[in-house]
Amino acid sequence: MCFLKYKTIKKDNYYTILANVFINANEYLIKTLGEKYDLDHSGTTCQLLFFPNDGTQNIYCTNAGNSKTILYSYTDSVPLSYEHY
């Protein structure tokens, strides 16, 4: 399932794109699962990493719910997101 509805991605709209992916996924889940499950008493965790092909080595990370992303190598680990409490 693809929740990204952009043909071209420009550097100035990364935030909008990442937010819309979460919004579109949420709408899809409500539409397809809302009648089958009680969504008022469920939780959500989601991680999204975006590696743009824009000539940089940037990684964009966004998360929903009580979740955390950690970039790990054999010698180090770096938190890319933080949990909410």
N, C-alpha and C. Protein backbone atom coordinates (compact mmCIF):
# COMPACT_ATOMS: atom_id res chain seq x y z
N MET A 1 0.84 -1.17 0.00
CA MET A 1 0.00 0.00 0.00
C MET A 1 0.89 1.23 0.00
N CYS A 2 0.64 2.14 -0.90
CA CYS A 2 1.42 3.37 -0.98
C CYS A 2 0.57 4.54 -0.51
N PHE A 3 1.06 5.27 0.47
CA PHE A 3 0.35 6.42 0.99
C PHE A 3 0.94 7.73 0.50
N LEU A 4 1.92 7.65 -0.37
CA LEU A 4 2.57 8.83 -0.91
C LEU A 4 1.95 9.17 -2.25
N LYS A 5 1.44 10.37 -2.38
CA LYS A 5 0.71 10.74 -3.59
C LYS A 5 1.42 11.86 -4.35
N TYR A 6 2.72 11.85 -4.35
CA TYR A 6 3.49 12.89 -5.02
C TYR A 6 4.28 12.28 -6.16
N LYS A 7 4.24 12.92 -7.31
CA LYS A 7 5.04 12.43 -8.44
C LYS A 7 6.47 12.93 -8.33
N THR A 8 6.63 14.14 -7.83
CA THR A 8 7.96 14.69 -7.63
C THR A 8 8.07 15.17 -6.18
N ILE A 9 9.23 15.00 -5.63
CA ILE A 9 9.48 15.40 -4.25
C ILE A 9 10.52 16.50 -4.28
N LYS A 10 10.16 17.64 -3.71
CA LYS A 10 11.08 18.78 -3.64
C LYS A 10 11.50 19.00 -2.21
N LYS A 11 12.72 19.50 -2.04
CA LYS A 11 13.30 19.66 -0.72
C LYS A 11 12.45 20.54 0.19
N ASP A 12 11.77 21.51 -0.38
CA ASP A 12 11.01 22.44 0.45
C ASP A 12 9.69 21.87 0.95
N ASN A 13 9.30 20.67 0.52
CA ASN A 13 8.04 20.11 1.02
C ASN A 13 8.23 18.75 1.71
N TYR A 14 9.41 18.45 2.22
CA TYR A 14 9.63 17.20 2.94
C TYR A 14 8.69 17.07 4.14
N TYR A 15 8.55 18.14 4.92
CA TYR A 15 7.69 18.08 6.10
C TYR A 15 6.26 17.76 5.70
N THR A 16 5.75 18.43 4.70
CA THR A 16 4.38 18.21 4.23
C THR A 16 4.20 16.78 3.75
N ILE A 17 5.15 16.28 3.02
CA ILE A 17 5.07 14.92 2.50
C ILE A 17 5.03 13.91 3.64
N LEU A 18 5.93 14.04 4.60
CA LEU A 18 5.96 13.10 5.72
C LEU A 18 4.67 13.16 6.54
N ALA A 19 4.16 14.37 6.77
CA ALA A 19 2.90 14.51 7.50
C ALA A 19 1.76 13.87 6.72
N ASN A 20 1.71 14.07 5.42
CA ASN A 20 0.63 13.50 4.60
C ASN A 20 0.68 11.99 4.54
N VAL A 21 1.85 11.40 4.60
CA VAL A 21 1.95 9.93 4.64
C VAL A 21 1.25 9.41 5.88
N PHE A 22 1.48 10.04 7.03
CA PHE A 22 0.82 9.61 8.26
C PHE A 22 -0.68 9.84 8.18
N ILE A 23 -1.10 10.97 7.67
CA ILE A 23 -2.53 11.28 7.55
C ILE A 23 -3.21 10.27 6.63
N ASN A 24 -2.61 10.00 5.47
CA ASN A 24 -3.19 9.05 4.51
C ASN A 24 -3.25 7.64 5.08
N ALA A 25 -2.22 7.23 5.80
CA ALA A 25 -2.22 5.90 6.42
C ALA A 25 -3.31 5.81 7.48
N ASN A 26 -3.45 6.86 8.28
CA ASN A 26 -4.48 6.88 9.31
C ASN A 26 -5.87 6.78 8.69
N GLU A 27 -6.12 7.55 7.65
CA GLU A 27 -7.43 7.50 6.97
C GLU A 27 -7.70 6.12 6.38
N TYR A 28 -6.68 5.51 5.81
CA TYR A 28 -6.82 4.17 5.25
C TYR A 28 -7.19 3.15 6.33
N LEU A 29 -6.48 3.21 7.45
CA LEU A 29 -6.74 2.26 8.53
C LEU A 29 -8.14 2.44 9.11
N ILE A 30 -8.56 3.67 9.28
CA ILE A 30 -9.92 3.91 9.79
C ILE A 30 -10.95 3.39 8.81
N LYS A 31 -10.73 3.64 7.54
CA LYS A 31 -11.67 3.21 6.50
C LYS A 31 -11.75 1.69 6.38
N THR A 32 -10.62 1.02 6.45
CA THR A 32 -10.60 -0.43 6.22
C THR A 32 -10.79 -1.25 7.49
N LEU A 33 -10.42 -0.71 8.65
CA LEU A 33 -10.49 -1.49 9.88
C LEU A 33 -11.47 -0.95 10.91
N GLY A 34 -11.98 0.25 10.67
CA GLY A 34 -12.82 0.92 11.64
C GLY A 34 -14.07 0.17 12.04
N GLU A 35 -14.69 -0.52 11.13
CA GLU A 35 -15.90 -1.26 11.47
C GLU A 35 -15.60 -2.62 12.09
N LYS A 36 -14.42 -3.14 11.84
CA LYS A 36 -14.07 -4.47 12.34
C LYS A 36 -13.48 -4.42 13.76
N TYR A 37 -12.77 -3.34 14.08
CA TYR A 37 -12.09 -3.24 15.37
C TYR A 37 -12.50 -1.96 16.09
N ASP A 38 -12.39 -1.99 17.40
CA ASP A 38 -12.66 -0.81 18.21
C ASP A 38 -11.38 0.03 18.23
N LEU A 39 -11.31 1.01 17.37
CA LEU A 39 -10.10 1.81 17.23
C LEU A 39 -9.92 2.84 18.33
N ASP A 40 -10.97 3.06 19.13
CA ASP A 40 -10.85 4.01 20.24
C ASP A 40 -10.01 3.46 21.38
N HIS A 41 -9.85 2.15 21.44
CA HIS A 41 -9.10 1.53 22.52
C HIS A 41 -7.89 0.76 22.00
N SER A 42 -7.27 1.31 20.99
CA SER A 42 -6.07 0.68 20.44
C SER A 42 -4.95 1.70 20.39
N GLY A 43 -3.75 1.23 20.18
CA GLY A 43 -2.60 2.12 20.13
C GLY A 43 -1.93 2.08 18.78
N THR A 44 -1.06 3.03 18.57
CA THR A 44 -0.36 3.13 17.31
C THR A 44 1.12 3.37 17.56
N THR A 45 1.93 2.65 16.86
CA THR A 45 3.35 2.98 16.78
C THR A 45 3.75 2.88 15.32
N CYS A 46 4.51 3.83 14.90
CA CYS A 46 4.93 3.85 13.50
C CYS A 46 6.23 4.63 13.37
N GLN A 47 7.10 4.14 12.55
CA GLN A 47 8.35 4.81 12.23
C GLN A 47 8.41 5.03 10.73
N LEU A 48 8.93 6.18 10.34
CA LEU A 48 9.12 6.45 8.92
C LEU A 48 10.48 7.09 8.73
N LEU A 49 11.32 6.45 7.95
CA LEU A 49 12.62 7.00 7.59
C LEU A 49 12.61 7.36 6.12
N PHE A 50 13.10 8.54 5.82
CA PHE A 50 13.10 9.04 4.45
C PHE A 50 14.53 9.41 4.09
N PHE A 51 15.03 8.76 3.05
CA PHE A 51 16.38 9.00 2.55
C PHE A 51 16.26 9.67 1.18
N PRO A 52 16.23 11.00 1.13
CA PRO A 52 16.04 11.66 -0.15
C PRO A 52 17.28 11.54 -1.04
N ASN A 53 17.03 11.47 -2.31
CA ASN A 53 18.12 11.44 -3.28
C ASN A 53 18.36 12.87 -3.76
N ASP A 54 18.87 13.71 -2.84
CA ASP A 54 19.02 15.13 -3.14
C ASP A 54 20.47 15.61 -3.05
N GLY A 55 21.40 14.67 -3.05
CA GLY A 55 22.80 15.04 -3.00
C GLY A 55 23.33 15.22 -1.58
N THR A 56 22.48 15.07 -0.58
CA THR A 56 22.92 15.16 0.81
C THR A 56 22.94 13.76 1.41
N GLN A 57 23.42 13.67 2.62
CA GLN A 57 23.38 12.40 3.35
C GLN A 57 22.39 12.49 4.50
N ASN A 58 21.38 13.34 4.36
CA ASN A 58 20.38 13.53 5.41
C ASN A 58 19.43 12.34 5.49
N ILE A 59 18.99 12.08 6.70
CA ILE A 59 17.95 11.09 6.97
C ILE A 59 16.85 11.83 7.72
N TYR A 60 15.63 11.75 7.23
CA TYR A 60 14.50 12.36 7.90
C TYR A 60 13.72 11.26 8.60
N CYS A 61 13.46 11.48 9.86
CA CYS A 61 12.80 10.48 10.68
C CYS A 61 11.59 11.10 11.34
N THR A 62 10.49 10.39 11.31
CA THR A 62 9.29 10.81 12.01
C THR A 62 8.66 9.59 12.66
N ASN A 63 8.00 9.82 13.77
CA ASN A 63 7.39 8.68 14.46
C ASN A 63 6.05 9.09 15.06
N ALA A 64 5.21 8.09 15.25
CA ALA A 64 3.91 8.28 15.90
C ALA A 64 3.81 7.28 17.03
N GLY A 65 3.19 7.70 18.09
CA GLY A 65 3.01 6.81 19.22
C GLY A 65 4.26 6.70 20.07
N ASN A 66 4.25 5.77 20.96
CA ASN A 66 5.35 5.56 21.87
C ASN A 66 6.38 4.64 21.21
N SER A 67 7.14 5.21 20.32
CA SER A 67 8.11 4.45 19.55
C SER A 67 9.37 5.28 19.38
N LYS A 68 10.44 4.63 19.05
CA LYS A 68 11.74 5.29 18.95
C LYS A 68 12.55 4.64 17.85
N THR A 69 13.30 5.44 17.11
CA THR A 69 14.18 4.93 16.07
C THR A 69 15.62 5.16 16.49
N ILE A 70 16.43 4.13 16.35
CA ILE A 70 17.85 4.22 16.69
C ILE A 70 18.66 3.75 15.49
N LEU A 71 19.59 4.58 15.05
CA LEU A 71 20.52 4.20 13.99
C LEU A 71 21.69 3.50 14.65
N TYR A 72 21.95 2.29 14.21
CA TYR A 72 22.94 1.45 14.87
C TYR A 72 24.04 1.06 13.89
N SER A 73 25.27 1.12 14.38
CA SER A 73 26.39 0.56 13.63
C SER A 73 27.13 -0.37 14.59
N TYR A 74 28.17 -0.97 14.12
CA TYR A 74 28.90 -1.91 14.98
C TYR A 74 29.63 -1.21 16.11
N THR A 75 29.82 0.10 16.00
CA THR A 75 30.58 0.82 17.02
C THR A 75 29.79 1.87 17.77
N ASP A 76 28.59 2.20 17.31
CA ASP A 76 27.86 3.31 17.92
C ASP A 76 26.36 3.18 17.66
N SER A 77 25.59 3.89 18.44
CA SER A 77 24.17 4.00 18.19
C SER A 77 23.75 5.45 18.42
N VAL A 78 22.83 5.92 17.58
CA VAL A 78 22.39 7.31 17.64
C VAL A 78 20.86 7.32 17.61
N PRO A 79 20.21 7.94 18.61
CA PRO A 79 18.75 8.04 18.55
C PRO A 79 18.33 9.03 17.46
N LEU A 80 17.41 8.62 16.62
CA LEU A 80 16.90 9.50 15.56
C LEU A 80 15.55 10.10 15.93
N SER A 81 14.90 9.52 16.92
CA SER A 81 13.62 10.06 17.39
C SER A 81 13.54 9.82 18.89
N TYR A 82 12.58 10.43 19.51
CA TYR A 82 12.42 10.32 20.95
C TYR A 82 11.00 9.93 21.29
N GLU A 83 10.87 9.10 22.31
CA GLU A 83 9.56 8.64 22.74
C GLU A 83 8.86 9.76 23.50
N HIS A 84 7.55 9.76 23.43
CA HIS A 84 6.80 10.68 24.28
C HIS A 84 6.33 9.89 25.51
N TYR A 85 6.16 10.56 26.60
CA TYR A 85 5.74 9.88 27.83
C TYR A 85 4.48 10.50 28.36
